[in-house]
C-alpha atoms as a PDB file:
ATOM      1  CA  MET A   1      27.806   9.583   1.541  1.00  0.00           C
ATOM      2  CA  PRO A   2      25.963   7.824  -1.283  1.00  0.00           C
ATOM      3  CA  LYS A   3      22.278   8.292  -1.887  1.00  0.00           C
ATOM      4  CA  ILE A   4      19.857   5.851  -0.253  1.00  0.00           C
ATOM      5  CA  LYS A   5      18.305   3.466  -2.742  1.00  0.00           C
ATOM      6  CA  THR A   6      14.528   3.183  -2.992  1.00  0.00           C
ATOM      7  CA  HIS A   7      13.129  -0.313  -2.401  1.00  0.00           C
ATOM      8  CA  LYS A   8      11.598  -1.101  -5.802  1.00  0.00           C
ATOM      9  CA  GLY A   9       9.032  -3.572  -4.433  1.00  0.00           C
ATOM     10  CA  ALA A  10       7.731  -0.978  -1.966  1.00  0.00           C
ATOM     11  CA  LYS A  11       7.716   1.701  -4.658  1.00  0.00           C
ATOM     12  CA  LYS A  12       5.285  -0.387  -6.717  1.00  0.00           C
ATOM     13  CA  ARG A  13       2.982  -1.156  -3.775  1.00  0.00           C
ATOM     14  CA  PHE A  14       2.682   2.128  -1.890  1.00  0.00           C
ATOM     15  CA  LYS A  15       1.814   5.738  -2.773  1.00  0.00           C
ATOM     16  CA  PHE A  16       1.868   8.865  -0.631  1.00  0.00           C
ATOM     17  CA  THR A  17      -1.234  11.007  -0.176  1.00  0.00           C
ATOM     18  CA  GLY A  18      -1.081  14.791  -0.214  1.00  0.00           C
ATOM     19  CA  SER A  19      -1.024  14.928   3.574  1.00  0.00           C
ATOM     20  CA  GLY A  20       1.885  12.453   3.784  1.00  0.00           C
ATOM     21  CA  LYS A  21      -0.032   9.292   4.695  1.00  0.00           C
ATOM     22  CA  ILE A  22       0.701   6.076   2.817  1.00  0.00           C
ATOM     23  CA  LYS A  23      -1.917   4.356   0.640  1.00  0.00           C
ATOM     24  CA  ARG A  24      -1.960   0.623  -0.094  1.00  0.00           C
ATOM     25  CA  LYS A  25      -4.121  -1.760  -2.077  1.00  0.00           C
ATOM     26  CA  SER A  26      -6.397  -4.285  -0.389  1.00  0.00           C
ATOM     27  CA  PRO A  27      -5.246  -7.899  -0.156  1.00  0.00           C
ATOM     28  CA  TYR A  28      -7.397 -10.833  -1.353  1.00  0.00           C
ATOM     29  CA  THR A  29      -8.061  -9.277  -4.768  1.00  0.00           C
ATOM     30  CA  GLY A  30      -6.262 -11.774  -7.002  1.00  0.00           C
ATOM     31  CA  HIS A  31      -8.576 -14.741  -7.567  1.00  0.00           C
ATOM     32  CA  LEU A  32     -11.373 -16.922  -6.109  1.00  0.00           C
ATOM     33  CA  PHE A  33     -14.033 -14.258  -6.567  1.00  0.00           C
ATOM     34  CA  SER A  34     -16.993 -16.620  -6.872  1.00  0.00           C
ATOM     35  CA  SER A  35     -16.941 -17.309  -3.136  1.00  0.00           C
ATOM     36  CA  LYS A  36     -16.806 -13.605  -2.203  1.00  0.00           C
ATOM     37  CA  THR A  37     -19.950 -11.503  -1.925  1.00  0.00           C
ATOM     38  CA  ALA A  38     -20.535  -8.492  -4.175  1.00  0.00           C
ATOM     39  CA  LYS A  39     -20.295  -6.164  -1.176  1.00  0.00           C
ATOM     40  CA  ARG A  40     -16.957  -7.623  -0.146  1.00  0.00           C
ATOM     41  CA  LYS A  41     -15.547  -7.374  -3.689  1.00  0.00           C
ATOM     42  CA  ARG A  42     -16.756  -3.781  -3.967  1.00  0.00           C
ATOM     43  CA  ASN A  43     -15.045  -2.832  -0.679  1.00  0.00           C
ATOM     44  CA  LEU A  44     -11.823  -4.580  -1.732  1.00  0.00           C
ATOM     45  CA  ARG A  45     -11.554  -2.217  -4.722  1.00  0.00           C
ATOM     46  CA  LYS A  46     -10.959   0.746  -2.411  1.00  0.00           C
ATOM     47  CA  SER A  47      -7.448   1.669  -1.348  1.00  0.00           C
ATOM     48  CA  LYS A  48      -6.571   1.667   2.334  1.00  0.00           C
ATOM     49  CA  ILE A  49      -4.287   3.772   4.527  1.00  0.00           C
ATOM     50  CA  VAL A  50      -1.284   2.028   6.082  1.00  0.00           C
ATOM     51  CA  HIS A  51      -1.566   1.673   9.861  1.00  0.00           C
ATOM     52  CA  ASN A  52       0.649   4.067  11.811  1.00  0.00           C
ATOM     53  CA  THR A  53       2.608   1.200  13.423  1.00  0.00           C
ATOM     54  CA  ASP A  54       3.898   0.183   9.966  1.00  0.00           C
ATOM     55  CA  GLU A  55       4.408   3.711   8.615  1.00  0.00           C
ATOM     56  CA  ASN A  56       8.015   4.130   9.780  1.00  0.00           C
ATOM     57  CA  ARG A  57       9.098   0.819   8.223  1.00  0.00           C
ATOM     58  CA  ILE A  58       7.655   1.785   4.844  1.00  0.00           C
ATOM     59  CA  LYS A  59       9.044   5.328   4.979  1.00  0.00           C
ATOM     60  CA  ARG A  60      12.513   3.803   5.471  1.00  0.00           C
ATOM     61  CA  LEU A  61      12.013   1.843   2.236  1.00  0.00           C
ATOM     62  CA  LEU A  62      10.817   4.972   0.387  1.00  0.00           C
ATOM     63  CA  PRO A  63      13.300   7.686   1.449  1.00  0.00           C
ATOM     64  CA  TYR A  64      12.330  10.212  -1.237  1.00  0.00           C
ATOM     65  CA  GLY A  65       8.524   9.907  -0.946  1.00  0.00           C
END
């Protein structure tokens, strides 16, 4: 059997934590910052954990994570 290929788009967007959870970046961080409050922009800088309902889909895209 051949090796499973890693999905390159998912590889660039997701990272695994030490405990095996999946980190992601916040959306809405590209442009139009003048209409967003400082508090909202500050909270958007933080990375988030992927919800457990989506975890299996992402793990299938990243087989060697």
